[in-house]
Amino acid sequence: MTQENLTSNIGIIRRIDDLGRIVIPKELRRFLNLKEGSPMEIFCDDEGIYLKPYNEEHIIISRLTNLETDIDELARFMDSDYDRKHIMELFKKLKAEMKRVTTVAAESDPNNK
């Protein structure tokens, strides 16, 4: 199976077993670098069910970005510019540390190899 076939809209038919499981074809697992135990995000809409490799780092960065916006809005109500700058400086340190931690965690995760 070529990369073009894997990324096309041609469906692969799989049956659901008695426990509700569906086997992801080996070719797709290789193409997406999915290993046994890889976390998957499952969501659905009116069109169907979707699977996507779960990327915790993106979730954390997104939440930190939202937190940054909230802190920025909160800081606007503070009395001094110093308070606002101090809060934003602390937030930037927190964000850098979170990125470092998620990078170290991702590098040590055997499912990412």
C-alpha atoms as a PDB file:
ATOM      1  CA  MET A   1       0.000   0.000   0.000  1.00  0.00           C
ATOM      2  CA  THR A   2       1.513   3.341  -1.021  1.00  0.00           C
ATOM      3  CA  GLN A   3       1.488   6.571   0.970  1.00  0.00           C
ATOM      4  CA  GLU A   4      -0.949   8.009  -1.579  1.00  0.00           C
ATOM      5  CA  ASN A   5      -3.386   5.142  -0.915  1.00  0.00           C
ATOM      6  CA  LEU A   6      -3.069   5.646   2.841  1.00  0.00           C
ATOM      7  CA  THR A   7      -3.917   9.336   2.668  1.00  0.00           C
ATOM      8  CA  SER A   8      -6.711   9.090   0.112  1.00  0.00           C
ATOM      9  CA  ASN A   9     -10.404   9.048   0.921  1.00  0.00           C
ATOM     10  CA  ILE A  10     -10.743   5.385  -0.020  1.00  0.00           C
ATOM     11  CA  GLY A  11     -12.160   3.619   3.026  1.00  0.00           C
ATOM     12  CA  ILE A  12     -10.887   0.431   4.587  1.00  0.00           C
ATOM     13  CA  ILE A  13     -13.674  -1.754   5.903  1.00  0.00           C
ATOM     14  CA  ARG A  14     -13.247  -3.309   9.355  1.00  0.00           C
ATOM     15  CA  ARG A  15     -15.811  -5.089  11.509  1.00  0.00           C
ATOM     16  CA  ILE A  16     -16.455  -4.282  15.155  1.00  0.00           C
ATOM     17  CA  ASP A  17     -15.824  -7.295  17.403  1.00  0.00           C
ATOM     18  CA  ASP A  18     -18.008  -8.420  20.316  1.00  0.00           C
ATOM     19  CA  LEU A  19     -16.105  -6.087  22.685  1.00  0.00           C
ATOM     20  CA  GLY A  20     -16.618  -3.049  20.420  1.00  0.00           C
ATOM     21  CA  ARG A  21     -13.049  -3.009  19.111  1.00  0.00           C
ATOM     22  CA  ILE A  22     -11.884  -2.157  15.608  1.00  0.00           C
ATOM     23  CA  VAL A  23      -8.410  -3.151  14.410  1.00  0.00           C
ATOM     24  CA  ILE A  24      -6.451  -0.324  12.787  1.00  0.00           C
ATOM     25  CA  PRO A  25      -4.643  -1.838   9.772  1.00  0.00           C
ATOM     26  CA  LYS A  26      -0.909  -2.353  10.210  1.00  0.00           C
ATOM     27  CA  GLU A  27      -0.111  -0.121   7.227  1.00  0.00           C
ATOM     28  CA  LEU A  28      -1.980   2.797   8.802  1.00  0.00           C
ATOM     29  CA  ARG A  29      -0.325   2.221  12.184  1.00  0.00           C
ATOM     30  CA  ARG A  30       3.081   2.284  10.529  1.00  0.00           C
ATOM     31  CA  PHE A  31       2.223   5.365   8.461  1.00  0.00           C
ATOM     32  CA  LEU A  32       1.056   7.249  11.603  1.00  0.00           C
ATOM     33  CA  ASN A  33       3.856   5.775  13.755  1.00  0.00           C
ATOM     34  CA  LEU A  34       1.340   4.269  16.195  1.00  0.00           C
ATOM     35  CA  LYS A  35       2.688   1.709  18.623  1.00  0.00           C
ATOM     36  CA  GLU A  36       0.850  -0.585  21.014  1.00  0.00           C
ATOM     37  CA  GLY A  37      -0.429   1.580  23.855  1.00  0.00           C
ATOM     38  CA  SER A  38      -0.342   4.819  21.833  1.00  0.00           C
ATOM     39  CA  PRO A  39      -3.063   7.132  23.175  1.00  0.00           C
ATOM     40  CA  MET A  40      -5.811   7.927  20.673  1.00  0.00           C
ATOM     41  CA  GLU A  41      -8.367  10.717  20.817  1.00  0.00           C
ATOM     42  CA  ILE A  42     -11.869   9.600  19.843  1.00  0.00           C
ATOM     43  CA  PHE A  43     -14.579  12.065  18.895  1.00  0.00           C
ATOM     44  CA  CYS A  44     -17.697  12.073  16.775  1.00  0.00           C
ATOM     45  CA  ASP A  45     -20.198  14.282  15.002  1.00  0.00           C
ATOM     46  CA  ASP A  46     -23.246  13.712  12.825  1.00  0.00           C
ATOM     47  CA  GLU A  47     -21.023  12.301  10.071  1.00  0.00           C
ATOM     48  CA  GLY A  48     -19.245   9.593  12.069  1.00  0.00           C
ATOM     49  CA  ILE A  49     -16.581   8.580  14.563  1.00  0.00           C
ATOM     50  CA  TYR A  50     -13.029   9.905  14.230  1.00  0.00           C
ATOM     51  CA  LEU A  51      -9.739   8.689  15.674  1.00  0.00           C
ATOM     52  CA  LYS A  52      -6.660  10.826  15.961  1.00  0.00           C
ATOM     53  CA  PRO A  53      -3.317  10.307  17.715  1.00  0.00           C
ATOM     54  CA  TYR A  54      -3.543  12.129  21.048  1.00  0.00           C
ATOM     55  CA  ASN A  55      -0.916  14.818  21.412  1.00  0.00           C
ATOM     56  CA  GLU A  56      -0.762  15.919  25.032  1.00  0.00           C
ATOM     57  CA  GLU A  57       1.776  18.661  24.295  1.00  0.00           C
ATOM     58  CA  HIS A  58      -0.643  20.478  21.979  1.00  0.00           C
ATOM     59  CA  ILE A  59      -3.388  20.260  24.607  1.00  0.00           C
ATOM     60  CA  ILE A  60      -1.079  21.675  27.291  1.00  0.00           C
ATOM     61  CA  ILE A  61       0.148  24.495  25.039  1.00  0.00           C
ATOM     62  CA  SER A  62      -3.446  25.357  24.106  1.00  0.00           C
ATOM     63  CA  ARG A  63      -4.474  25.471  27.764  1.00  0.00           C
ATOM     64  CA  LEU A  64      -1.441  27.594  28.632  1.00  0.00           C
ATOM     65  CA  THR A  65      -2.341  30.011  25.844  1.00  0.00           C
ATOM     66  CA  ASN A  66      -5.854  30.322  27.260  1.00  0.00           C
ATOM     67  CA  LEU A  67      -4.363  30.820  30.721  1.00  0.00           C
ATOM     68  CA  GLU A  68      -2.077  33.538  29.365  1.00  0.00           C
ATOM     69  CA  THR A  69      -5.095  35.399  27.959  1.00  0.00           C
ATOM     70  CA  ASP A  70      -6.935  35.082  31.279  1.00  0.00           C
ATOM     71  CA  ILE A  71      -3.905  36.302  33.243  1.00  0.00           C
ATOM     72  CA  ASP A  72      -3.474  39.219  30.854  1.00  0.00           C
ATOM     73  CA  GLU A  73      -7.106  40.229  31.334  1.00  0.00           C
ATOM     74  CA  LEU A  74      -6.814  39.855  35.112  1.00  0.00           C
ATOM     75  CA  ALA A  75      -3.628  41.919  35.174  1.00  0.00           C
ATOM     76  CA  ARG A  76      -5.425  44.824  33.498  1.00  0.00           C
ATOM     77  CA  PHE A  77      -7.447  45.269  36.687  1.00  0.00           C
ATOM     78  CA  MET A  78      -4.365  45.390  38.899  1.00  0.00           C
ATOM     79  CA  ASP A  79      -3.125  48.655  40.344  1.00  0.00           C
ATOM     80  CA  SER A  80       0.358  48.867  38.924  1.00  0.00           C
ATOM     81  CA  ASP A  81       2.159  48.055  35.724  1.00  0.00           C
ATOM     82  CA  TYR A  82       4.760  46.275  37.865  1.00  0.00           C
ATOM     83  CA  ASP A  83       2.167  43.725  39.052  1.00  0.00           C
ATOM     84  CA  ARG A  84       1.131  43.003  35.478  1.00  0.00           C
ATOM     85  CA  LYS A  85       4.723  42.597  34.271  1.00  0.00           C
ATOM     86  CA  HIS A  86       5.562  40.395  37.248  1.00  0.00           C
ATOM     87  CA  ILE A  87       2.583  38.092  36.593  1.00  0.00           C
ATOM     88  CA  MET A  88       3.414  37.819  32.883  1.00  0.00           C
ATOM     89  CA  GLU A  89       7.062  37.067  33.701  1.00  0.00           C
ATOM     90  CA  LEU A  90       6.002  34.262  36.037  1.00  0.00           C
ATOM     91  CA  PHE A  91       3.644  32.923  33.393  1.00  0.00           C
ATOM     92  CA  LYS A  92       6.377  32.855  30.745  1.00  0.00           C
ATOM     93  CA  LYS A  93       8.605  30.877  33.136  1.00  0.00           C
ATOM     94  CA  LEU A  94       5.742  28.449  33.792  1.00  0.00           C
ATOM     95  CA  LYS A  95       5.098  28.040  30.067  1.00  0.00           C
ATOM     96  CA  ALA A  96       8.782  27.382  29.336  1.00  0.00           C
ATOM     97  CA  GLU A  97       8.956  24.826  32.151  1.00  0.00           C
ATOM     98  CA  MET A  98       5.797  23.070  30.921  1.00  0.00           C
ATOM     99  CA  LYS A  99       7.230  22.874  27.409  1.00  0.00           C
ATOM    100  CA  ARG A 100      10.472  21.448  28.788  1.00  0.00           C
ATOM    101  CA  VAL A 101       8.602  18.857  30.864  1.00  0.00           C
ATOM    102  CA  THR A 102       6.398  17.744  27.959  1.00  0.00           C
ATOM    103  CA  THR A 103       9.425  17.493  25.670  1.00  0.00           C
ATOM    104  CA  VAL A 104      11.310  15.356  28.205  1.00  0.00           C
ATOM    105  CA  ALA A 105       8.206  13.207  28.741  1.00  0.00           C
ATOM    106  CA  ALA A 106       7.715  12.747  24.992  1.00  0.00           C
ATOM    107  CA  GLU A 107      11.365  11.791  24.499  1.00  0.00           C
ATOM    108  CA  SER A 108      11.184   9.192  27.275  1.00  0.00           C
ATOM    109  CA  ASP A 109       7.846   7.718  26.123  1.00  0.00           C
ATOM    110  CA  PRO A 110       8.521   4.301  24.546  1.00  0.00           C
ATOM    111  CA  ASN A 111       5.456   4.742  22.303  1.00  0.00           C
ATOM    112  CA  ASN A 112       7.162   7.673  20.543  1.00  0.00           C
ATOM    113  CA  LYS A 113      10.081   5.569  19.340  1.00  0.00           C
END
